[in-house]
Amino acid sequence: MPRKYIKKGVYQNYSHEDMEKAVQAVREGLSLGKASKAFKVPKSTLSDRICQRVLPGAPIGRPPALPAKLEEELVSKVENAAAMGFGVSRRQLLVKTGRLVNKLKISTPFKDGVPGKDWFDGLRRRHPTLSIKKPLKLSVVRSPIWNADETGFQMEHQPASVWGAKVPGRSSNSRESISTLLCVNAQGGFMPPMVVVRGKTKRCIQSWGVEDAPAGTVFTYQARAWMDDILGEEWFHKVFLANCGPHRPQLLILDSHSSHEVIGLLEAAVENDVHILALPPHTTHFLQPLDKSINGPLKAAYKSVCSEFMNASPENTVNKKSWPGLFRQSCERALTPQNITSGFRATGIHPLDRTAIPSDA
């Protein structure tokens, strides 16, 4: 149920001009009570002004929870993110603000360290220009051009189809999910993937056969093995910047998934002359190179590799130890230069071809 507030006394029903007139009247000999009634201003506030506990022109009401300079910087970052095509939702802004307050060790009245609706409403009143902006037009002919996207795997794979009599295919008995973040470029190259496994501490990675994964793979963890905004920023620093090379500027194409809507990532991109282009929602099946030519073949290769592995021996099973090696073999089959470049060509990104997208799309 929404909260109902009971308004008590005189609150913001007067102007700064009325307050200044009341202050002047008191200084000229009028009592506080009579000046309060004459100019319809709160007596206690008038007293604060006379005693200089409140300075002239100070905002009416209690002060904001965050320092003004910090709040302005936060608003500026959100507006810049929106201008780049990554609108930050109210919930994302509240969570990000809570993390920032915790990082800077700022004392606030926020419940559990995260601001609520009241703070957000006050922020909008103090910054009426805070809104979602239209994405800026950005040329897609810069080189190199990268596309990054995440895809999920389960150890309980779907057995590959085989010829002959109907026989039950073997599959792992584990339904554990794994998220991977892939990044490819228009020249047919690709970066080491990031693999997100389920866990709450770094120790959870120790049980995985990480040495058999694709070279340079970055393993990390999350409670549900999901990509989130923190991991998106970690990926940008540990994977993208470490492997994109010295050429600048560079273009990184992302979908508008929440894990990419992170202010830290966008700030780091600006600092490193990397241009971020957000694909409009519900268009990735037409515009995302990885969706066009990699994710499908990669999933098919994964099914085949897992089936071949389990059929080779009754003792073989897909688990934390064997999965990284099976994932590496799947990548070797699917992440070919031909597959990668065909995705950029099919979307009309490189070489630039405006007719690649059907007119009815």
Protein backbone atom coordinates (compact mmCIF):
# COMPACT_ATOMS: atom_id res chain seq x y z
CA MET A 1 0.00 0.00 0.00
CA PRO A 2 1.31 3.51 -0.80
CA ARG A 3 2.25 5.61 2.19
CA LYS A 4 -0.01 8.50 3.19
CA TYR A 5 1.61 11.56 4.67
CA ILE A 6 -0.20 13.97 6.99
CA LYS A 7 0.86 17.51 6.32
CA LYS A 8 1.61 19.40 9.52
CA GLY A 9 1.97 23.15 9.84
CA VAL A 10 3.15 25.54 7.15
CA TYR A 11 5.46 23.77 4.69
CA GLN A 12 6.80 25.44 1.60
CA ASN A 13 3.76 27.70 1.30
CA TYR A 14 5.90 30.80 1.18
CA SER A 15 8.48 32.28 -1.12
CA HIS A 16 12.06 33.36 -0.44
CA GLU A 17 10.91 36.94 -0.99
CA ASP A 18 8.34 36.62 1.83
CA MET A 19 11.01 35.24 4.14
CA GLU A 20 13.41 38.07 3.30
CA LYS A 21 10.69 40.66 4.03
CA ALA A 22 9.93 39.00 7.36
CA VAL A 23 13.64 38.98 8.30
CA GLN A 24 13.95 42.66 7.44
CA ALA A 25 10.82 43.47 9.47
CA VAL A 26 12.21 41.71 12.56
CA ARG A 27 15.51 43.54 12.22
CA GLU A 28 13.55 46.79 12.10
CA GLY A 29 11.87 45.99 15.43
CA LEU A 30 8.85 43.78 14.66
CA SER A 31 8.50 40.72 16.90
CA LEU A 32 9.02 37.20 15.52
CA GLY A 33 5.39 36.24 16.12
CA LYS A 34 3.93 39.28 14.40
CA ALA A 35 6.36 39.01 11.46
CA SER A 36 5.52 35.31 11.09
CA LYS A 37 1.79 36.08 10.90
CA ALA A 38 2.19 39.16 8.71
CA PHE A 39 4.27 37.44 6.03
CA LYS A 40 2.87 33.90 6.58
CA VAL A 41 6.20 32.25 7.20
CA PRO A 42 7.05 29.65 9.91
CA LYS A 43 8.18 31.27 13.13
CA SER A 44 10.88 28.63 13.77
CA THR A 45 12.33 29.05 10.28
CA LEU A 46 12.28 32.82 10.67
CA SER A 47 14.16 32.43 13.95
CA ASP A 48 16.77 30.24 12.21
CA ARG A 49 17.27 32.96 9.62
CA ILE A 50 17.62 35.71 12.19
CA CYS A 51 20.18 33.65 14.14
CA GLN A 52 21.92 32.69 10.85
CA ARG A 53 21.45 28.98 11.46
CA VAL A 54 20.02 28.96 7.91
CA LEU A 55 21.65 31.11 5.23
CA PRO A 56 19.72 33.26 2.72
CA GLY A 57 18.61 31.37 -0.36
CA ALA A 58 18.94 27.95 1.31
CA PRO A 59 16.57 25.29 -0.10
CA ILE A 60 13.34 24.81 1.80
CA GLY A 61 13.04 21.55 3.74
CA ARG A 62 15.58 19.06 5.03
CA PRO A 63 18.90 18.84 3.12
CA PRO A 64 19.41 16.02 0.58
CA ALA A 65 21.01 12.79 1.81
CA LEU A 66 23.94 13.13 -0.62
CA PRO A 67 26.33 16.08 -0.95
CA ALA A 68 25.19 18.41 -3.73
CA LYS A 69 28.37 17.94 -5.79
CA LEU A 70 28.12 14.14 -5.62
CA GLU A 71 24.45 14.25 -6.59
CA GLU A 72 25.19 16.47 -9.58
CA GLU A 73 27.94 14.11 -10.74
CA LEU A 74 25.59 11.14 -10.42
CA VAL A 75 22.86 12.87 -12.44
CA SER A 76 25.39 13.86 -15.10
CA LYS A 77 26.57 10.25 -15.43
CA VAL A 78 23.01 8.96 -15.78
CA GLU A 79 22.20 11.53 -18.46
CA ASN A 80 25.40 10.70 -20.35
CA ALA A 81 24.54 7.00 -20.22
CA ALA A 82 21.05 7.71 -21.58
CA ALA A 83 22.52 9.84 -24.36
CA MET A 84 24.66 6.84 -25.38
CA GLY A 85 21.60 4.60 -25.61
CA PHE A 86 21.74 2.98 -22.16
CA GLY A 87 18.81 4.30 -20.16
CA VAL A 88 19.17 3.65 -16.44
CA SER A 89 15.94 2.57 -14.75
CA ARG A 90 14.84 3.84 -11.37
CA ARG A 91 15.73 0.55 -9.69
CA GLN A 92 19.18 0.50 -11.29
CA LEU A 93 19.81 4.08 -10.21
CA LEU A 94 18.81 3.31 -6.61
CA VAL A 95 21.05 0.24 -6.48
CA LYS A 96 23.99 2.08 -8.04
CA THR A 97 23.55 4.98 -5.62
CA GLY A 98 23.53 2.57 -2.68
CA ARG A 99 26.77 1.01 -3.87
CA LEU A 100 28.35 4.43 -4.31
CA VAL A 101 27.31 5.52 -0.79
CA ASN A 102 28.71 2.31 0.67
CA LYS A 103 31.97 2.70 -1.27
CA LEU A 104 32.46 6.30 -0.12
CA LYS A 105 31.27 5.47 3.43
CA ILE A 106 28.72 8.29 3.46
CA SER A 107 26.31 8.31 6.39
CA THR A 108 22.72 8.38 5.09
CA PRO A 109 19.22 7.56 6.38
CA PHE A 110 18.79 4.99 3.59
CA LYS A 111 17.23 1.71 4.72
CA ASP A 112 19.73 -1.13 4.25
CA GLY A 113 22.04 1.36 2.57
CA VAL A 114 19.82 1.75 -0.53
CA PRO A 115 17.75 4.91 -1.21
CA GLY A 116 14.01 4.58 -1.70
CA LYS A 117 11.19 6.20 -3.63
CA ASP A 118 11.24 9.36 -1.49
CA TRP A 119 14.87 10.04 -2.33
CA PHE A 120 14.26 9.35 -6.01
CA ASP A 121 11.26 11.69 -6.12
CA GLY A 122 13.33 14.40 -4.43
CA LEU A 123 16.12 13.84 -6.93
CA ARG A 124 13.69 14.35 -9.81
CA ARG A 125 12.40 17.58 -8.23
CA ARG A 126 15.93 18.90 -7.73
CA HIS A 127 16.96 17.86 -11.25
CA PRO A 128 13.91 18.22 -13.53
CA THR A 129 16.06 17.62 -16.62
CA LEU A 130 16.78 14.05 -15.50
CA SER A 131 15.13 11.92 -18.17
CA ILE A 132 15.82 9.31 -20.83
CA LYS A 133 17.48 10.80 -23.88
CA LYS A 134 17.43 9.57 -27.46
CA PRO A 135 20.61 7.71 -28.47
CA LEU A 136 23.13 9.79 -30.37
CA LYS A 137 23.82 8.81 -33.95
CA LEU A 138 27.12 6.97 -34.18
CA SER A 139 28.94 5.89 -37.31
CA VAL A 140 29.42 2.13 -37.64
CA VAL A 141 32.30 2.25 -40.09
CA ARG A 142 35.03 2.64 -37.50
CA SER A 143 37.55 -0.16 -37.37
CA PRO A 144 37.88 -2.43 -35.58
CA ILE A 145 34.24 -3.10 -34.82
CA TRP A 146 33.35 -5.43 -31.96
CA ASN A 147 30.14 -7.13 -30.90
CA ALA A 148 29.69 -8.64 -27.44
CA ASP A 149 26.80 -10.73 -26.15
CA GLU A 150 26.13 -13.31 -23.47
CA THR A 151 24.70 -16.77 -23.86
CA GLY A 152 23.91 -19.53 -21.39
CA PHE A 153 24.78 -23.21 -21.17
CA GLN A 154 23.56 -26.08 -19.04
CA MET A 155 25.50 -29.21 -18.18
CA GLU A 156 22.34 -31.20 -18.89
CA HIS A 157 22.69 -30.79 -22.65
CA GLN A 158 20.27 -32.02 -25.30
CA PRO A 159 21.82 -35.15 -26.86
CA ALA A 160 22.69 -34.76 -30.54
CA SER A 161 20.49 -36.55 -33.08
CA VAL A 162 21.87 -39.83 -34.44
CA TRP A 163 20.92 -42.14 -37.34
CA GLY A 164 19.56 -45.60 -36.69
CA ALA A 165 17.15 -47.15 -34.22
CA LYS A 166 15.68 -44.94 -31.51
CA VAL A 167 17.98 -45.10 -28.50
CA PRO A 168 18.08 -42.86 -25.43
CA GLY A 169 20.98 -40.41 -25.58
CA ARG A 170 23.09 -39.96 -22.49
CA SER A 171 23.08 -36.60 -20.77
CA SER A 172 24.52 -35.10 -17.61
CA ASN A 173 22.37 -35.30 -14.49
CA SER A 174 23.38 -31.77 -13.47
CA ARG A 175 21.19 -28.81 -14.36
CA GLU A 176 23.75 -26.24 -13.30
CA SER A 177 23.74 -23.16 -15.52
CA ILE A 178 26.75 -21.27 -16.82
CA SER A 179 26.75 -17.84 -18.46
CA THR A 180 29.36 -16.88 -21.03
CA LEU A 181 30.16 -13.52 -22.57
CA LEU A 182 31.62 -13.64 -26.07
CA CYS A 183 33.11 -10.82 -28.12
CA VAL A 184 33.95 -10.96 -31.84
CA ASN A 185 35.07 -8.41 -34.41
CA ALA A 186 34.24 -7.64 -38.01
CA GLN A 187 37.55 -9.04 -39.24
CA GLY A 188 36.66 -12.53 -37.96
CA GLY A 189 38.62 -12.46 -34.70
CA PHE A 190 37.40 -13.04 -31.17
CA MET A 191 38.44 -12.37 -27.59
CA PRO A 192 38.80 -14.87 -24.74
CA PRO A 193 35.35 -15.41 -23.23
CA MET A 194 34.24 -14.61 -19.72
CA VAL A 195 32.58 -17.53 -17.91
CA VAL A 196 30.23 -16.88 -14.98
CA VAL A 197 29.64 -19.86 -12.67
CA ARG A 198 27.32 -20.16 -9.71
CA GLY A 199 28.85 -19.26 -6.36
CA LYS A 200 29.21 -16.67 -3.62
CA THR A 201 32.98 -16.64 -3.11
CA LYS A 202 36.06 -17.03 -5.30
CA ARG A 203 36.59 -20.51 -3.88
CA CYS A 204 33.74 -21.85 -6.02
CA ILE A 205 35.97 -21.53 -9.12
CA GLN A 206 38.53 -23.97 -7.71
CA SER A 207 36.34 -26.98 -8.52
CA TRP A 208 36.23 -26.13 -12.24
CA GLY A 209 38.77 -27.42 -14.77
CA VAL A 210 39.71 -23.90 -15.80
CA GLU A 211 43.01 -25.02 -17.35
CA ASP A 212 41.11 -26.75 -20.17
CA ALA A 213 39.02 -23.70 -21.13
CA PRO A 214 39.83 -21.54 -24.18
CA ALA A 215 43.12 -19.70 -23.74
CA GLY A 216 42.78 -16.54 -21.67
CA THR A 217 39.25 -17.31 -20.42
CA VAL A 218 38.30 -15.22 -17.38
CA PHE A 219 36.30 -17.20 -14.81
CA THR A 220 34.19 -15.32 -12.30
CA TYR A 221 31.13 -16.05 -10.15
CA GLN A 222 27.67 -14.80 -9.26
CA ALA A 223 25.02 -16.22 -6.92
CA ARG A 224 22.85 -17.39 -9.86
CA ALA A 225 25.52 -17.52 -12.55
CA TRP A 226 24.00 -14.45 -14.18
CA MET A 227 25.75 -11.56 -15.84
CA ASP A 228 25.10 -8.33 -13.93
CA ASP A 229 26.32 -4.75 -14.18
CA ILE A 230 29.32 -5.33 -11.90
CA LEU A 231 30.49 -8.29 -13.99
CA GLY A 232 29.90 -6.28 -17.16
CA GLU A 233 32.33 -3.66 -15.90
CA GLU A 234 34.78 -6.37 -14.82
CA TRP A 235 34.61 -7.90 -18.31
CA PHE A 236 35.31 -4.54 -19.96
CA HIS A 237 38.50 -4.03 -17.94
CA LYS A 238 39.82 -7.60 -17.76
CA VAL A 239 38.84 -8.84 -21.21
CA PHE A 240 37.95 -6.10 -23.66
CA LEU A 241 40.62 -3.51 -22.85
CA ALA A 242 43.20 -6.26 -22.39
CA ASN A 243 42.58 -7.72 -25.85
CA CYS A 244 41.25 -4.98 -28.15
CA GLY A 245 44.69 -3.69 -29.10
CA PRO A 246 46.09 -0.14 -29.23
CA HIS A 247 44.11 1.13 -32.23
CA ARG A 248 41.71 3.97 -31.40
CA PRO A 249 38.91 4.73 -31.68
CA GLN A 250 37.11 1.41 -31.41
CA LEU A 251 33.43 0.57 -31.64
CA LEU A 252 31.72 -1.89 -29.27
CA ILE A 253 28.16 -2.93 -30.12
CA LEU A 254 26.04 -4.20 -27.23
CA ASP A 255 22.41 -5.03 -26.72
CA SER A 256 20.50 -3.07 -24.09
CA HIS A 257 20.53 -5.88 -21.52
CA SER A 258 20.75 -4.62 -17.95
CA SER A 259 24.19 -6.12 -17.42
CA HIS A 260 25.55 -3.64 -19.96
CA GLU A 261 23.72 -0.64 -18.51
CA VAL A 262 26.52 0.27 -16.14
CA ILE A 263 27.83 3.76 -15.65
CA GLY A 264 31.31 2.52 -14.76
CA LEU A 265 31.66 0.67 -18.06
CA LEU A 266 30.55 3.68 -20.07
CA GLU A 267 32.93 5.99 -18.21
CA ALA A 268 35.83 3.60 -18.81
CA ALA A 269 34.88 3.44 -22.49
CA VAL A 270 35.00 7.23 -22.82
CA GLU A 271 38.38 7.35 -21.06
CA ASN A 272 39.78 4.74 -23.47
CA ASP A 273 38.25 6.20 -26.67
CA VAL A 274 35.92 3.22 -27.13
CA HIS A 275 32.53 4.12 -28.57
CA ILE A 276 29.57 2.15 -27.23
CA LEU A 277 26.56 1.60 -29.48
CA ALA A 278 23.37 0.22 -27.92
CA LEU A 279 21.12 -1.87 -30.14
CA PRO A 280 17.44 -0.93 -29.80
CA PRO A 281 15.32 -3.38 -27.77
CA HIS A 282 13.76 -6.33 -29.62
CA THR A 283 15.99 -5.91 -32.69
CA THR A 284 18.94 -8.18 -31.89
CA HIS A 285 17.66 -11.00 -34.12
CA PHE A 286 18.19 -8.59 -37.03
CA LEU A 287 21.09 -6.46 -35.84
CA GLN A 288 23.32 -8.55 -33.55
CA PRO A 289 26.11 -10.41 -35.43
CA LEU A 290 26.52 -12.97 -32.63
CA ASP A 291 22.81 -13.79 -32.76
CA LYS A 292 22.96 -14.13 -36.52
CA SER A 293 25.84 -16.53 -37.00
CA ILE A 294 27.53 -17.62 -33.75
CA ASN A 295 25.15 -18.43 -30.89
CA GLY A 296 23.19 -21.00 -32.88
CA PRO A 297 26.22 -22.88 -34.27
CA LEU A 298 27.88 -22.70 -30.83
CA LYS A 299 24.91 -24.35 -29.11
CA ALA A 300 24.76 -27.02 -31.83
CA ALA A 301 28.49 -27.66 -31.49
CA TYR A 302 28.11 -27.93 -27.70
CA LYS A 303 25.42 -30.61 -28.05
CA SER A 304 27.58 -32.60 -30.46
CA VAL A 305 30.77 -32.28 -28.40
CA CYS A 306 29.00 -33.34 -25.17
CA SER A 307 27.29 -36.30 -26.88
CA GLU A 308 30.57 -37.49 -28.41
CA PHE A 309 32.31 -37.16 -25.05
CA MET A 310 29.69 -39.14 -23.12
CA ASN A 311 29.34 -41.81 -25.79
CA ALA A 312 33.10 -42.39 -25.76
CA SER A 313 33.01 -43.97 -22.31
CA PRO A 314 30.35 -44.89 -19.71
CA GLU A 315 32.52 -43.13 -17.13
CA ASN A 316 32.47 -39.79 -18.91
CA THR A 317 30.07 -37.17 -17.60
CA VAL A 318 29.64 -33.44 -18.08
CA ASN A 319 30.60 -31.81 -14.80
CA LYS A 320 32.61 -28.88 -13.45
CA LYS A 321 35.87 -30.59 -14.27
CA SER A 322 35.06 -31.57 -17.86
CA TRP A 323 32.84 -28.66 -18.93
CA PRO A 324 35.62 -26.09 -19.67
CA GLY A 325 37.32 -28.50 -22.10
CA LEU A 326 34.02 -29.28 -23.82
CA PHE A 327 33.30 -25.57 -24.08
CA ARG A 328 36.73 -25.01 -25.67
CA GLN A 329 36.05 -27.67 -28.31
CA SER A 330 32.65 -26.09 -29.02
CA CYS A 331 34.25 -22.68 -29.51
CA GLU A 332 36.87 -24.14 -31.85
CA ARG A 333 34.10 -25.54 -34.07
CA ALA A 334 31.77 -22.52 -34.06
CA LEU A 335 33.99 -19.44 -33.70
CA THR A 336 35.50 -19.60 -37.18
CA PRO A 337 36.41 -16.47 -39.16
CA GLN A 338 33.79 -17.43 -41.76
CA ASN A 339 30.99 -17.67 -39.19
CA ILE A 340 31.99 -14.45 -37.47
CA THR A 341 32.30 -12.30 -40.58
CA SER A 342 29.04 -13.68 -41.99
CA GLY A 343 27.23 -12.30 -38.92
CA PHE A 344 28.53 -8.78 -39.50
CA ARG A 345 27.71 -9.10 -43.20
CA ALA A 346 24.17 -10.42 -42.58
CA THR A 347 23.37 -7.49 -40.30
CA GLY A 348 24.75 -4.95 -42.76
CA ILE A 349 27.23 -3.60 -40.21
CA HIS A 350 30.42 -4.52 -42.08
CA PRO A 351 30.69 -3.99 -44.90
CA LEU A 352 28.04 -1.31 -44.49
CA ASP A 353 24.88 -2.42 -46.32
CA ARG A 354 21.59 -0.72 -45.51
CA THR A 355 19.68 -3.23 -47.65
CA ALA A 356 20.78 -6.20 -45.50
CA ILE A 357 17.82 -5.67 -43.16
CA PRO A 358 14.45 -6.50 -44.77
CA SER A 359 12.16 -3.53 -45.26
CA ASP A 360 9.35 -5.23 -43.31
CA ALA A 361 11.65 -5.40 -40.25
